[in-house]
């Protein structure tokens, strides 16, 4: 699917968030590299890096990350992704709601997902032993998404617990986190294609305009040529006025 998207062979799927979710995170699931997750979260947890350091700081036999796409909650809702981070006897669930072009299905969508995470409102979550968790709203860098996040955060303020974080991450920030691992990594082919896919959707960060070091000759902007085909007998005098500016 990733190759087809990069070649523009499935334009009818370009508006489907599920395709983006399965493509990006499906490839990340194969890497066994969880540094990308640490990079994304470390700057978004209100400085509380201890919340994740014990779970995803180092990959190894005592650390594991499992991906669960569209897990069904008891209320029949389906967040896009649930990542289970496990380190020794501790577990950290990370629930992710992905948006590409659409917005929240209803004003309480994120509130519902937050409650489901805190209350272990699914068979899968109920069987996990955890006291902390993270709900991630992953969207484009758009003011309307930011407003949705802020409104949802106000709604959950009464039940907001520091043990359960609610954060907003943009795809542009996601891109930077993947790109930071791209230069020297065993999974460069996968990371490279993920970066290309995000660019295909216009989800790479804006880096400013290219600086063109080219000398501009000001005279080129003041030269003009014109000709007049007048009968000189019909013109007694001609006055030319030029204004600088």
Protein backbone atom coordinates (compact mmCIF):
# COMPACT_ATOMS: atom_id res chain seq x y z
CA UNK A 1 0.00 0.00 0.00
CA UNK A 2 2.83 2.41 0.80
CA UNK A 3 4.42 1.92 -2.63
CA UNK A 4 1.07 2.43 -4.35
CA UNK A 5 0.50 5.69 -2.50
CA UNK A 6 3.96 7.01 -3.34
CA UNK A 7 3.34 6.25 -7.02
CA UNK A 8 -0.11 7.85 -6.96
CA UNK A 9 -1.83 4.58 -7.86
CA UNK A 10 -4.63 4.93 -5.32
CA UNK A 11 -5.79 8.55 -5.40
CA UNK A 12 -9.26 7.55 -4.31
CA UNK A 13 -7.77 6.56 -0.94
CA UNK A 14 -5.96 9.82 -0.30
CA UNK A 15 -8.69 11.10 2.02
CA UNK A 16 -8.84 8.00 4.17
CA UNK A 17 -7.24 8.43 7.60
CA UNK A 18 -7.32 4.68 8.18
CA UNK A 19 -4.98 4.13 5.23
CA UNK A 20 -2.50 6.64 6.61
CA UNK A 21 -2.72 5.08 10.07
CA UNK A 22 -2.16 1.54 8.86
CA UNK A 23 0.61 2.58 6.48
CA UNK A 24 2.70 4.69 8.87
CA UNK A 25 2.27 2.70 12.05
CA UNK A 26 2.16 -0.63 10.25
CA UNK A 27 5.71 -0.02 9.04
CA UNK A 28 6.86 1.31 12.40
CA UNK A 29 5.56 -1.87 14.00
CA UNK A 30 8.06 -3.85 11.92
CA UNK A 31 11.12 -1.87 12.97
CA UNK A 32 11.47 -3.06 16.58
CA UNK A 33 12.88 0.44 17.09
CA UNK A 34 11.05 2.45 19.72
CA UNK A 35 13.28 5.52 19.77
CA UNK A 36 10.82 7.24 17.42
CA UNK A 37 8.15 6.90 20.10
CA UNK A 38 10.41 8.39 22.74
CA UNK A 39 11.31 11.30 20.44
CA UNK A 40 7.66 12.10 19.75
CA UNK A 41 6.54 11.99 23.36
CA UNK A 42 9.48 13.43 25.25
CA UNK A 43 8.72 17.06 24.36
CA UNK A 44 4.96 16.71 24.80
CA UNK A 45 4.47 15.37 28.31
CA UNK A 46 4.78 18.72 30.10
CA UNK A 47 8.42 17.95 30.81
CA UNK A 48 7.54 14.72 32.63
CA UNK A 49 9.95 12.45 30.82
CA UNK A 50 9.95 10.04 33.77
CA UNK A 51 6.50 8.93 32.69
CA UNK A 52 7.95 7.22 29.64
CA UNK A 53 11.64 6.75 30.40
CA UNK A 54 11.10 3.52 32.32
CA UNK A 55 9.15 2.05 29.45
CA UNK A 56 10.73 3.13 26.18
CA UNK A 57 14.16 4.52 26.96
CA UNK A 58 15.98 1.36 25.93
CA UNK A 59 14.85 -1.41 23.64
CA UNK A 60 15.72 -4.90 24.80
CA UNK A 61 14.40 -8.15 26.16
CA UNK A 62 12.75 -6.41 29.12
CA UNK A 63 11.03 -3.86 26.91
CA UNK A 64 8.34 -4.51 24.32
CA UNK A 65 5.89 -2.49 22.26
CA UNK A 66 2.71 -4.03 20.85
CA UNK A 67 0.41 -2.34 18.32
CA UNK A 68 -3.36 -2.82 18.35
CA UNK A 69 -5.20 -1.15 15.48
CA UNK A 70 -8.80 -0.01 16.04
CA UNK A 71 -9.39 -1.86 19.33
CA UNK A 72 -13.07 -2.04 20.24
CA UNK A 73 -14.10 -0.48 23.54
CA UNK A 74 -17.05 -1.59 25.66
CA UNK A 75 -19.04 1.37 24.34
CA UNK A 76 -18.35 0.19 20.75
CA UNK A 77 -16.06 3.12 19.99
CA UNK A 78 -12.75 2.45 18.24
CA UNK A 79 -9.68 4.63 18.76
CA UNK A 80 -7.34 4.40 15.79
CA UNK A 81 -4.42 2.85 17.64
CA UNK A 82 -3.44 1.50 21.02
CA UNK A 83 0.25 0.95 21.71
CA UNK A 84 1.12 -1.18 24.72
CA UNK A 85 4.57 -0.40 26.12
CA UNK A 86 5.81 -2.96 28.61
CA UNK A 87 8.92 -2.88 30.76
CA UNK A 88 9.45 -5.66 33.28
CA UNK A 89 6.27 -5.63 35.39
CA UNK A 90 5.02 -2.20 34.31
CA UNK A 91 2.76 -1.32 31.40
CA UNK A 92 2.07 2.01 29.74
CA UNK A 93 -0.83 2.17 27.24
CA UNK A 94 -0.74 4.92 24.62
CA UNK A 95 -4.02 5.56 22.81
CA UNK A 96 -3.80 7.54 19.55
CA UNK A 97 -6.59 9.29 17.66
CA UNK A 98 -5.45 10.10 14.11
CA UNK A 99 -6.84 12.86 11.91
CA UNK A 100 -5.86 13.79 8.37
CA UNK A 101 -8.59 15.92 6.77
CA UNK A 102 -11.65 15.35 8.95
CA UNK A 103 -12.27 16.65 12.44
CA UNK A 104 -13.75 15.02 15.54
CA UNK A 105 -16.85 12.93 14.89
CA UNK A 106 -18.50 14.65 17.85
CA UNK A 107 -17.51 17.20 20.49
CA UNK A 108 -17.05 14.48 23.13
CA UNK A 109 -14.97 12.04 21.09
CA UNK A 110 -11.66 12.72 22.87
CA UNK A 111 -13.39 12.91 26.24
CA UNK A 112 -14.87 9.45 25.62
CA UNK A 113 -11.51 8.01 24.60
CA UNK A 114 -9.81 9.52 27.63
CA UNK A 115 -12.40 7.99 29.96
CA UNK A 116 -12.04 4.62 28.24
CA UNK A 117 -8.30 4.72 28.78
CA UNK A 118 -8.50 5.76 32.43
CA UNK A 119 -11.32 3.31 33.29
CA UNK A 120 -9.87 0.38 31.30
CA UNK A 121 -13.06 0.27 29.31
CA UNK A 122 -12.28 -2.69 27.04
CA UNK A 123 -11.44 -6.35 27.40
CA UNK A 124 -7.88 -5.67 26.29
CA UNK A 125 -7.33 -2.73 28.66
CA UNK A 126 -9.07 -4.47 31.55
CA UNK A 127 -6.53 -7.29 31.41
CA UNK A 128 -3.58 -4.88 31.58
CA UNK A 129 -2.00 -3.79 34.81
CA UNK A 130 -1.32 -0.06 34.49
CA UNK A 131 -1.64 3.09 36.54
CA UNK A 132 -0.49 5.58 33.91
CA UNK A 133 -1.40 6.22 30.30
CA UNK A 134 -1.31 8.71 27.45
CA UNK A 135 -3.99 9.84 25.01
CA UNK A 136 -2.52 11.39 21.86
CA UNK A 137 -4.42 13.55 19.38
CA UNK A 138 -2.36 13.32 16.16
CA UNK A 139 -3.34 15.88 13.51
CA UNK A 140 -2.06 18.32 10.94
CA UNK A 141 -0.69 21.65 12.09
CA UNK A 142 -4.01 23.43 11.89
CA UNK A 143 -5.60 26.00 14.18
CA UNK A 144 -8.96 24.18 14.15
CA UNK A 145 -7.37 20.98 15.48
CA UNK A 146 -5.69 23.00 18.21
CA UNK A 147 -9.05 24.50 19.17
CA UNK A 148 -10.61 21.02 19.29
CA UNK A 149 -7.84 19.85 21.59
CA UNK A 150 -8.16 22.82 23.93
CA UNK A 151 -11.95 22.44 24.15
CA UNK A 152 -11.61 18.72 24.89
CA UNK A 153 -8.97 19.39 27.52
CA UNK A 154 -11.34 21.75 29.32
CA UNK A 155 -14.02 19.07 29.35
CA UNK A 156 -11.78 16.51 30.98
CA UNK A 157 -10.26 18.98 33.42
CA UNK A 158 -12.38 17.69 36.31
CA UNK A 159 -11.10 14.14 35.87
CA UNK A 160 -7.65 15.02 34.61
CA UNK A 161 -4.98 13.10 36.51
CA UNK A 162 -1.26 13.71 36.12
CA UNK A 163 -0.84 9.97 35.76
CA UNK A 164 -2.89 10.08 32.55
CA UNK A 165 -1.64 12.61 30.01
CA UNK A 166 -3.65 14.15 27.20
CA UNK A 167 -1.46 15.67 24.48
CA UNK A 168 -1.68 17.08 20.97
CA UNK A 169 1.02 16.19 18.44
CA UNK A 170 1.11 17.38 14.84
CA UNK A 171 2.15 15.27 11.89
CA UNK A 172 4.85 17.85 11.25
CA UNK A 173 6.33 17.12 14.70
CA UNK A 174 5.95 13.42 13.99
CA UNK A 175 7.92 13.89 10.77
CA UNK A 176 10.76 15.61 12.62
CA UNK A 177 10.95 12.77 15.14
CA UNK A 178 11.29 10.17 12.38
CA UNK A 179 13.69 12.32 10.41
CA UNK A 180 15.96 12.66 13.46
CA UNK A 181 16.57 8.89 13.34
CA UNK A 182 16.93 8.68 9.58
CA UNK A 183 20.60 9.53 9.06
CA UNK A 184 22.18 6.59 10.86
CA UNK A 185 19.76 3.77 11.50
CA UNK A 186 19.39 0.13 10.52
CA UNK A 187 15.81 0.80 9.39
CA UNK A 188 16.63 3.70 7.07
CA UNK A 189 14.70 2.21 4.15
CA UNK A 190 11.52 2.05 6.18
CA UNK A 191 12.01 5.46 7.76
CA UNK A 192 12.80 6.94 4.35
CA UNK A 193 9.59 5.64 2.81
CA UNK A 194 7.56 6.86 5.80
CA UNK A 195 9.02 10.33 5.34
CA UNK A 196 8.18 10.22 1.63
CA UNK A 197 4.61 9.18 2.46
CA UNK A 198 4.19 12.08 4.89
CA UNK A 199 5.51 14.46 2.24
CA UNK A 200 3.03 12.97 -0.24
CA UNK A 201 0.23 14.05 2.11
CA UNK A 202 1.84 17.45 2.70
CA UNK A 203 2.57 16.58 6.34
CA UNK A 204 6.24 17.53 6.37
CA UNK A 205 7.20 20.74 8.20
CA UNK A 206 7.60 24.01 6.33
CA UNK A 207 11.29 24.87 6.32
CA UNK A 208 11.03 28.35 4.81
CA UNK A 209 11.80 29.64 1.36
CA UNK A 210 14.94 28.61 -0.43
CA UNK A 211 17.69 31.22 -0.31
CA UNK A 212 18.85 31.86 -3.87
CA UNK A 213 22.28 33.48 -3.86
CA UNK A 214 22.00 35.14 -7.22
CA UNK A 215 23.03 38.72 -8.04
CA UNK A 216 20.12 40.79 -9.31
CA UNK A 217 20.99 43.51 -11.80
CA UNK A 218 18.70 46.42 -10.98
CA UNK A 219 19.02 47.76 -14.51
CA UNK A 220 17.04 44.76 -15.75
CA UNK A 221 13.98 46.17 -14.05
CA UNK A 222 14.12 49.62 -15.64
CA UNK A 223 14.80 48.92 -19.29
CA UNK A 224 12.02 49.11 -21.87
CA UNK A 225 11.73 49.44 -25.60
CA UNK A 226 8.83 50.92 -27.51
CA UNK A 227 8.13 52.35 -30.90
CA UNK A 228 5.55 54.81 -32.26
CA UNK A 229 4.33 54.82 -35.84
CA UNK A 230 3.12 58.39 -36.15
CA UNK A 231 2.92 60.61 -39.17
CA UNK A 232 5.38 63.37 -38.37
CA UNK A 233 3.33 65.88 -40.39
CA UNK A 234 0.42 65.53 -37.99
CA UNK A 235 2.51 66.31 -34.91
CA UNK A 236 3.58 69.84 -34.25
CA UNK A 237 5.37 69.08 -30.98
CA UNK A 238 5.85 66.22 -28.53
CA UNK A 239 6.41 66.57 -24.82
CA UNK A 240 7.80 63.62 -22.81
CA UNK A 241 7.39 63.42 -19.05
CA UNK A 242 9.07 60.75 -16.97
CA UNK A 243 8.50 60.25 -13.28
CA UNK A 244 10.97 58.35 -11.15
CA UNK A 245 9.27 55.93 -8.83
